[in-house]
């Protein structure tokens, strides 16, 4: 190997680690740009943001056709003027009923005093406040579901605010907040014994008897 070729090979070997480190140093990892999944859907129009939009987890594990489902969400008003939710529309249910009242809490989490935010079929969101629907006495109920719904399925909704306008969002059936108890496992041996069948001990005993007969 001549001197010029040897010098070229050494130069490439020394340059390669520097080039590789330079290529990777300026890259942003995939996990650096990903966000963790949030609970429920989120949507925004104007100064109104909807967060954690869900249908409450059904006690039986699913909603049947004809059932009512409670809508839960947080209505955040970051504006300087009050706004009012005047209607909840969509497909898959008969109507939306607004009942009760609730306290408003500002976006920073500090209590803003008790206020009647529901009147008839409307919900008022005061300036710089968050109204929690499905918390306390304030409730929005979707009545007479058209079809059976289970965890993970959703209903598309259109919420109309007096000032901000319409917000389209999907309300997904929530998952249970805690682990659900499972039913008792099926006892195959016990079942066979009750029905007069042979259990594991009987089968083993018969096998030993068969071996003895062969001897």
C-alpha atoms as a PDB file:
ATOM      1  CA  UNK A   1       0.000   0.000   0.000  1.00  0.00           C
ATOM      2  CA  UNK A   2       1.519   3.343  -0.999  1.00  0.00           C
ATOM      3  CA  UNK A   3       1.844   6.323   1.306  1.00  0.00           C
ATOM      4  CA  UNK A   4      -0.879   8.424  -0.386  1.00  0.00           C
ATOM      5  CA  UNK A   5      -3.521   5.674  -0.137  1.00  0.00           C
ATOM      6  CA  UNK A   6      -2.678   5.021   3.537  1.00  0.00           C
ATOM      7  CA  UNK A   7      -3.069   8.728   4.329  1.00  0.00           C
ATOM      8  CA  UNK A   8      -6.481   8.846   2.609  1.00  0.00           C
ATOM      9  CA  UNK A   9      -7.808   5.833   4.595  1.00  0.00           C
ATOM     10  CA  UNK A  10      -6.666   7.308   7.916  1.00  0.00           C
ATOM     11  CA  UNK A  11      -8.317  10.617   7.065  1.00  0.00           C
ATOM     12  CA  UNK A  12     -11.667   8.957   6.336  1.00  0.00           C
ATOM     13  CA  UNK A  13     -11.523   6.947   9.578  1.00  0.00           C
ATOM     14  CA  UNK A  14     -10.867  10.072  11.643  1.00  0.00           C
ATOM     15  CA  UNK A  15     -13.553  12.135   9.900  1.00  0.00           C
ATOM     16  CA  UNK A  16     -16.393   9.571  10.115  1.00  0.00           C
ATOM     17  CA  UNK A  17     -17.152   9.831  13.919  1.00  0.00           C
ATOM     18  CA  UNK A  18     -17.158  13.633  13.675  1.00  0.00           C
ATOM     19  CA  UNK A  19     -19.580  13.557  10.753  1.00  0.00           C
ATOM     20  CA  UNK A  20     -21.914  11.085  12.468  1.00  0.00           C
ATOM     21  CA  UNK A  21     -22.018  13.071  15.711  1.00  0.00           C
ATOM     22  CA  UNK A  22     -22.657  16.293  13.807  1.00  0.00           C
ATOM     23  CA  UNK A  23     -25.616  14.729  11.965  1.00  0.00           C
ATOM     24  CA  UNK A  24     -27.309  13.481  15.136  1.00  0.00           C
ATOM     25  CA  UNK A  25     -26.602  16.437  17.400  1.00  0.00           C
ATOM     26  CA  UNK A  26     -28.981  18.804  15.633  1.00  0.00           C
ATOM     27  CA  UNK A  27     -31.927  16.398  15.323  1.00  0.00           C
ATOM     28  CA  UNK A  28     -35.038  16.481  17.513  1.00  0.00           C
ATOM     29  CA  UNK A  29     -36.093  13.079  18.788  1.00  0.00           C
ATOM     30  CA  UNK A  30     -39.550  11.797  17.953  1.00  0.00           C
ATOM     31  CA  UNK A  31     -40.548  11.662  21.633  1.00  0.00           C
ATOM     32  CA  UNK A  32     -39.576  15.311  22.005  1.00  0.00           C
ATOM     33  CA  UNK A  33     -42.450  16.444  19.809  1.00  0.00           C
ATOM     34  CA  UNK A  34     -45.110  14.040  21.049  1.00  0.00           C
ATOM     35  CA  UNK A  35     -47.722  14.958  23.629  1.00  0.00           C
ATOM     36  CA  UNK A  36     -49.350  12.620  26.085  1.00  0.00           C
ATOM     37  CA  UNK A  37     -52.949  11.656  25.409  1.00  0.00           C
ATOM     38  CA  UNK A  38     -55.461  13.870  27.178  1.00  0.00           C
ATOM     39  CA  UNK A  39     -58.693  12.743  28.800  1.00  0.00           C
ATOM     40  CA  UNK A  40     -61.618  13.453  26.509  1.00  0.00           C
ATOM     41  CA  UNK A  41     -61.817  15.593  23.386  1.00  0.00           C
ATOM     42  CA  UNK A  42     -60.856  19.259  23.131  1.00  0.00           C
ATOM     43  CA  UNK A  43     -62.130  21.943  20.729  1.00  0.00           C
ATOM     44  CA  UNK A  44     -62.001  25.726  20.494  1.00  0.00           C
ATOM     45  CA  UNK A  45     -63.756  28.623  18.802  1.00  0.00           C
ATOM     46  CA  UNK A  46     -63.118  32.264  19.634  1.00  0.00           C
ATOM     47  CA  UNK A  47     -62.576  32.719  23.367  1.00  0.00           C
ATOM     48  CA  UNK A  48     -64.344  29.455  24.246  1.00  0.00           C
ATOM     49  CA  UNK A  49     -62.438  26.193  24.712  1.00  0.00           C
ATOM     50  CA  UNK A  50     -64.045  22.843  25.495  1.00  0.00           C
ATOM     51  CA  UNK A  51     -61.902  20.347  27.400  1.00  0.00           C
ATOM     52  CA  UNK A  52     -62.383  16.741  28.514  1.00  0.00           C
ATOM     53  CA  UNK A  53     -65.591  16.253  26.520  1.00  0.00           C
ATOM     54  CA  UNK A  54     -66.896  12.777  27.343  1.00  0.00           C
ATOM     55  CA  UNK A  55     -69.984  10.709  28.016  1.00  0.00           C
ATOM     56  CA  UNK A  56     -69.884   9.480  31.595  1.00  0.00           C
ATOM     57  CA  UNK A  57     -68.892   5.838  32.015  1.00  0.00           C
ATOM     58  CA  UNK A  58     -72.086   3.721  32.090  1.00  0.00           C
ATOM     59  CA  UNK A  59     -72.468   1.680  35.267  1.00  0.00           C
ATOM     60  CA  UNK A  60     -73.355  -1.453  33.313  1.00  0.00           C
ATOM     61  CA  UNK A  61     -70.336  -1.017  31.031  1.00  0.00           C
ATOM     62  CA  UNK A  62     -72.357   0.171  28.018  1.00  0.00           C
ATOM     63  CA  UNK A  63     -75.340   2.288  27.046  1.00  0.00           C
ATOM     64  CA  UNK A  64     -78.314   0.555  25.433  1.00  0.00           C
ATOM     65  CA  UNK A  65     -80.558   2.099  22.798  1.00  0.00           C
ATOM     66  CA  UNK A  66     -83.104   4.295  24.595  1.00  0.00           C
ATOM     67  CA  UNK A  67     -80.773   5.095  27.516  1.00  0.00           C
ATOM     68  CA  UNK A  68     -79.790   8.601  28.607  1.00  0.00           C
ATOM     69  CA  UNK A  69     -76.128   9.590  28.763  1.00  0.00           C
ATOM     70  CA  UNK A  70     -74.579  12.352  30.862  1.00  0.00           C
ATOM     71  CA  UNK A  71     -72.229  14.717  29.035  1.00  0.00           C
ATOM     72  CA  UNK A  72     -69.204  15.892  31.025  1.00  0.00           C
ATOM     73  CA  UNK A  73     -66.824  18.688  30.022  1.00  0.00           C
ATOM     74  CA  UNK A  74     -65.133  21.901  31.059  1.00  0.00           C
ATOM     75  CA  UNK A  75     -66.141  25.164  29.327  1.00  0.00           C
ATOM     76  CA  UNK A  76     -63.264  27.649  29.481  1.00  0.00           C
ATOM     77  CA  UNK A  77     -63.974  31.301  28.675  1.00  0.00           C
ATOM     78  CA  UNK A  78     -60.689  33.192  28.266  1.00  0.00           C
ATOM     79  CA  UNK A  79     -62.385  36.336  26.971  1.00  0.00           C
ATOM     80  CA  UNK A  80     -63.348  39.538  28.707  1.00  0.00           C
ATOM     81  CA  UNK A  81     -67.074  39.108  28.071  1.00  0.00           C
ATOM     82  CA  UNK A  82     -69.553  36.464  29.200  1.00  0.00           C
ATOM     83  CA  UNK A  83     -70.772  33.919  26.675  1.00  0.00           C
ATOM     84  CA  UNK A  84     -73.686  31.498  26.794  1.00  0.00           C
ATOM     85  CA  UNK A  85     -74.106  27.936  25.584  1.00  0.00           C
ATOM     86  CA  UNK A  86     -77.530  28.062  23.942  1.00  0.00           C
ATOM     87  CA  UNK A  87     -77.849  24.607  22.387  1.00  0.00           C
ATOM     88  CA  UNK A  88     -76.351  21.121  22.092  1.00  0.00           C
ATOM     89  CA  UNK A  89     -77.228  19.278  18.891  1.00  0.00           C
ATOM     90  CA  UNK A  90     -76.067  16.158  17.117  1.00  0.00           C
ATOM     91  CA  UNK A  91     -76.972  12.733  15.808  1.00  0.00           C
ATOM     92  CA  UNK A  92     -77.571   9.592  17.793  1.00  0.00           C
ATOM     93  CA  UNK A  93     -79.867  10.979  20.503  1.00  0.00           C
ATOM     94  CA  UNK A  94     -83.258  12.651  20.866  1.00  0.00           C
ATOM     95  CA  UNK A  95     -82.429  15.873  22.722  1.00  0.00           C
ATOM     96  CA  UNK A  96     -80.036  17.523  25.182  1.00  0.00           C
ATOM     97  CA  UNK A  97     -81.376  18.626  28.554  1.00  0.00           C
ATOM     98  CA  UNK A  98     -79.572  21.167  30.754  1.00  0.00           C
ATOM     99  CA  UNK A  99     -80.400  21.022  34.459  1.00  0.00           C
ATOM    100  CA  UNK A 100     -79.114  22.399  37.735  1.00  0.00           C
ATOM    101  CA  UNK A 101     -76.544  25.083  38.482  1.00  0.00           C
ATOM    102  CA  UNK A 102     -72.888  25.228  39.389  1.00  0.00           C
ATOM    103  CA  UNK A 103     -70.107  27.426  40.701  1.00  0.00           C
ATOM    104  CA  UNK A 104     -67.682  29.087  38.304  1.00  0.00           C
ATOM    105  CA  UNK A 105     -63.954  28.632  38.823  1.00  0.00           C
ATOM    106  CA  UNK A 106     -61.383  30.823  37.121  1.00  0.00           C
ATOM    107  CA  UNK A 107     -58.782  29.425  34.743  1.00  0.00           C
ATOM    108  CA  UNK A 108     -56.067  29.607  37.413  1.00  0.00           C
ATOM    109  CA  UNK A 109     -58.094  27.300  39.651  1.00  0.00           C
ATOM    110  CA  UNK A 110     -59.029  29.852  42.320  1.00  0.00           C
ATOM    111  CA  UNK A 111     -62.702  30.017  43.336  1.00  0.00           C
ATOM    112  CA  UNK A 112     -64.547  32.903  41.708  1.00  0.00           C
ATOM    113  CA  UNK A 113     -67.594  32.703  43.921  1.00  0.00           C
ATOM    114  CA  UNK A 114     -70.911  30.950  43.503  1.00  0.00           C
ATOM    115  CA  UNK A 115     -72.870  31.906  40.411  1.00  0.00           C
ATOM    116  CA  UNK A 116     -75.945  30.594  38.679  1.00  0.00           C
ATOM    117  CA  UNK A 117     -74.538  29.538  35.310  1.00  0.00           C
ATOM    118  CA  UNK A 118     -77.515  27.512  34.104  1.00  0.00           C
ATOM    119  CA  UNK A 119     -80.885  29.025  33.358  1.00  0.00           C
ATOM    120  CA  UNK A 120     -83.455  26.973  31.508  1.00  0.00           C
ATOM    121  CA  UNK A 121     -81.691  25.382  28.549  1.00  0.00           C
ATOM    122  CA  UNK A 122     -78.615  27.624  28.639  1.00  0.00           C
ATOM    123  CA  UNK A 123     -75.260  27.699  30.412  1.00  0.00           C
ATOM    124  CA  UNK A 124     -73.479  30.998  31.016  1.00  0.00           C
ATOM    125  CA  UNK A 125     -69.685  31.104  31.037  1.00  0.00           C
ATOM    126  CA  UNK A 126     -68.498  34.256  32.789  1.00  0.00           C
ATOM    127  CA  UNK A 127     -65.316  36.094  31.669  1.00  0.00           C
ATOM    128  CA  UNK A 128     -62.032  34.370  32.554  1.00  0.00           C
ATOM    129  CA  UNK A 129     -63.785  31.402  34.146  1.00  0.00           C
ATOM    130  CA  UNK A 130     -64.152  27.645  33.743  1.00  0.00           C
ATOM    131  CA  UNK A 131     -67.533  25.976  34.104  1.00  0.00           C
ATOM    132  CA  UNK A 132     -67.503  22.264  34.899  1.00  0.00           C
ATOM    133  CA  UNK A 133     -70.441  20.368  33.421  1.00  0.00           C
ATOM    134  CA  UNK A 134     -71.175  17.067  35.123  1.00  0.00           C
ATOM    135  CA  UNK A 135     -69.664  18.285  38.377  1.00  0.00           C
ATOM    136  CA  UNK A 136     -71.973  19.207  41.206  1.00  0.00           C
ATOM    137  CA  UNK A 137     -75.584  19.843  40.233  1.00  0.00           C
ATOM    138  CA  UNK A 138     -74.960  21.137  36.708  1.00  0.00           C
ATOM    139  CA  UNK A 139     -75.695  18.456  34.100  1.00  0.00           C
ATOM    140  CA  UNK A 140     -76.224  18.068  30.367  1.00  0.00           C
ATOM    141  CA  UNK A 141     -78.058  14.858  29.512  1.00  0.00           C
ATOM    142  CA  UNK A 142     -78.339  13.340  26.044  1.00  0.00           C
ATOM    143  CA  UNK A 143     -81.701  11.576  26.056  1.00  0.00           C
ATOM    144  CA  UNK A 144     -82.965   8.476  24.251  1.00  0.00           C
ATOM    145  CA  UNK A 145     -79.827   7.192  22.515  1.00  0.00           C
ATOM    146  CA  UNK A 146     -80.452   5.702  19.076  1.00  0.00           C
ATOM    147  CA  UNK A 147     -77.942   2.864  19.371  1.00  0.00           C
ATOM    148  CA  UNK A 148     -75.939   0.890  21.875  1.00  0.00           C
ATOM    149  CA  UNK A 149     -72.672   2.571  22.877  1.00  0.00           C
ATOM    150  CA  UNK A 150     -69.658   1.031  24.585  1.00  0.00           C
ATOM    151  CA  UNK A 151     -66.379   2.434  25.892  1.00  0.00           C
ATOM    152  CA  UNK A 152     -64.394   4.170  23.162  1.00  0.00           C
ATOM    153  CA  UNK A 153     -67.352   4.849  20.860  1.00  0.00           C
ATOM    154  CA  UNK A 154     -68.401   8.455  20.334  1.00  0.00           C
ATOM    155  CA  UNK A 155     -71.219  10.794  19.346  1.00  0.00           C
ATOM    156  CA  UNK A 156     -70.553  13.908  17.208  1.00  0.00           C
ATOM    157  CA  UNK A 157     -71.907  17.087  18.791  1.00  0.00           C
ATOM    158  CA  UNK A 158     -72.385  20.716  17.802  1.00  0.00           C
ATOM    159  CA  UNK A 159     -72.379  23.150  20.721  1.00  0.00           C
ATOM    160  CA  UNK A 160     -73.580  26.656  19.883  1.00  0.00           C
ATOM    161  CA  UNK A 161     -72.487  29.678  21.918  1.00  0.00           C
ATOM    162  CA  UNK A 162     -74.187  33.038  21.689  1.00  0.00           C
ATOM    163  CA  UNK A 163     -70.998  34.975  20.892  1.00  0.00           C
ATOM    164  CA  UNK A 164     -68.351  32.439  19.881  1.00  0.00           C
ATOM    165  CA  UNK A 165     -70.616  30.473  17.557  1.00  0.00           C
ATOM    166  CA  UNK A 166     -70.603  26.738  16.839  1.00  0.00           C
ATOM    167  CA  UNK A 167     -68.069  24.204  18.108  1.00  0.00           C
ATOM    168  CA  UNK A 168     -67.967  20.700  16.628  1.00  0.00           C
ATOM    169  CA  UNK A 169     -66.599  18.002  18.928  1.00  0.00           C
ATOM    170  CA  UNK A 170     -66.965  14.246  19.487  1.00  0.00           C
ATOM    171  CA  UNK A 171     -67.979  12.994  22.925  1.00  0.00           C
ATOM    172  CA  UNK A 172     -66.403   9.596  23.599  1.00  0.00           C
ATOM    173  CA  UNK A 173     -67.781   7.111  26.125  1.00  0.00           C
ATOM    174  CA  UNK A 174     -65.371   7.357  29.054  1.00  0.00           C
ATOM    175  CA  UNK A 175     -63.381   4.486  30.506  1.00  0.00           C
ATOM    176  CA  UNK A 176     -63.981   3.520  34.165  1.00  0.00           C
ATOM    177  CA  UNK A 177     -62.078   5.595  36.685  1.00  0.00           C
ATOM    178  CA  UNK A 178     -61.025   2.460  38.596  1.00  0.00           C
ATOM    179  CA  UNK A 179     -60.485  -1.212  37.884  1.00  0.00           C
ATOM    180  CA  UNK A 180     -63.707  -3.155  37.525  1.00  0.00           C
ATOM    181  CA  UNK A 181     -64.217  -6.452  39.336  1.00  0.00           C
ATOM    182  CA  UNK A 182     -64.216  -9.480  37.103  1.00  0.00           C
ATOM    183  CA  UNK A 183     -66.676 -12.328  37.490  1.00  0.00           C
ATOM    184  CA  UNK A 184     -65.656 -15.644  39.012  1.00  0.00           C
ATOM    185  CA  UNK A 185     -63.623 -17.886  36.736  1.00  0.00           C
ATOM    186  CA  UNK A 186     -65.220 -21.031  35.378  1.00  0.00           C
ATOM    187  CA  UNK A 187     -64.220 -24.122  37.364  1.00  0.00           C
ATOM    188  CA  UNK A 188     -64.011 -26.873  34.769  1.00  0.00           C
ATOM    189  CA  UNK A 189     -63.186 -29.671  37.271  1.00  0.00           C
ATOM    190  CA  UNK A 190     -65.950 -28.679  39.659  1.00  0.00           C
ATOM    191  CA  UNK A 191     -68.452 -28.450  36.825  1.00  0.00           C
ATOM    192  CA  UNK A 192     -67.507 -31.866  35.498  1.00  0.00           C
ATOM    193  CA  UNK A 193     -67.871 -33.412  38.954  1.00  0.00           C
ATOM    194  CA  UNK A 194     -71.329 -31.909  39.439  1.00  0.00           C
ATOM    195  CA  UNK A 195     -72.537 -33.189  36.103  1.00  0.00           C
ATOM    196  CA  UNK A 196     -71.352 -36.706  36.787  1.00  0.00           C
ATOM    197  CA  UNK A 197     -68.330 -36.444  34.518  1.00  0.00           C
ATOM    198  CA  UNK A 198     -64.846 -37.546  35.467  1.00  0.00           C
ATOM    199  CA  UNK A 199     -62.609 -35.048  37.204  1.00  0.00           C
ATOM    200  CA  UNK A 200     -58.810 -34.966  37.017  1.00  0.00           C
ATOM    201  CA  UNK A 201     -58.431 -37.350  39.992  1.00  0.00           C
ATOM    202  CA  UNK A 202     -60.846 -39.860  38.501  1.00  0.00           C
ATOM    203  CA  UNK A 203     -59.025 -39.794  35.166  1.00  0.00           C
ATOM    204  CA  UNK A 204     -55.655 -40.345  36.856  1.00  0.00           C
ATOM    205  CA  UNK A 205     -57.086 -43.208  38.935  1.00  0.00           C
ATOM    206  CA  UNK A 206     -58.518 -44.911  35.862  1.00  0.00           C
ATOM    207  CA  UNK A 207     -55.212 -44.556  34.039  1.00  0.00           C
ATOM    208  CA  UNK A 208     -53.314 -46.226  36.904  1.00  0.00           C
ATOM    209  CA  UNK A 209     -55.867 -49.044  36.909  1.00  0.00           C
ATOM    210  CA  UNK A 210     -55.413 -49.568  33.168  1.00  0.00           C
ATOM    211  CA  UNK A 211     -51.614 -49.764  33.587  1.00  0.00           C
ATOM    212  CA  UNK A 212     -52.059 -52.363  36.359  1.00  0.00           C
ATOM    213  CA  UNK A 213     -54.285 -54.498  34.191  1.00  0.00           C
ATOM    214  CA  UNK A 214     -51.690 -54.483  31.389  1.00  0.00           C
ATOM    215  CA  UNK A 215     -49.012 -55.754  33.817  1.00  0.00           C
END
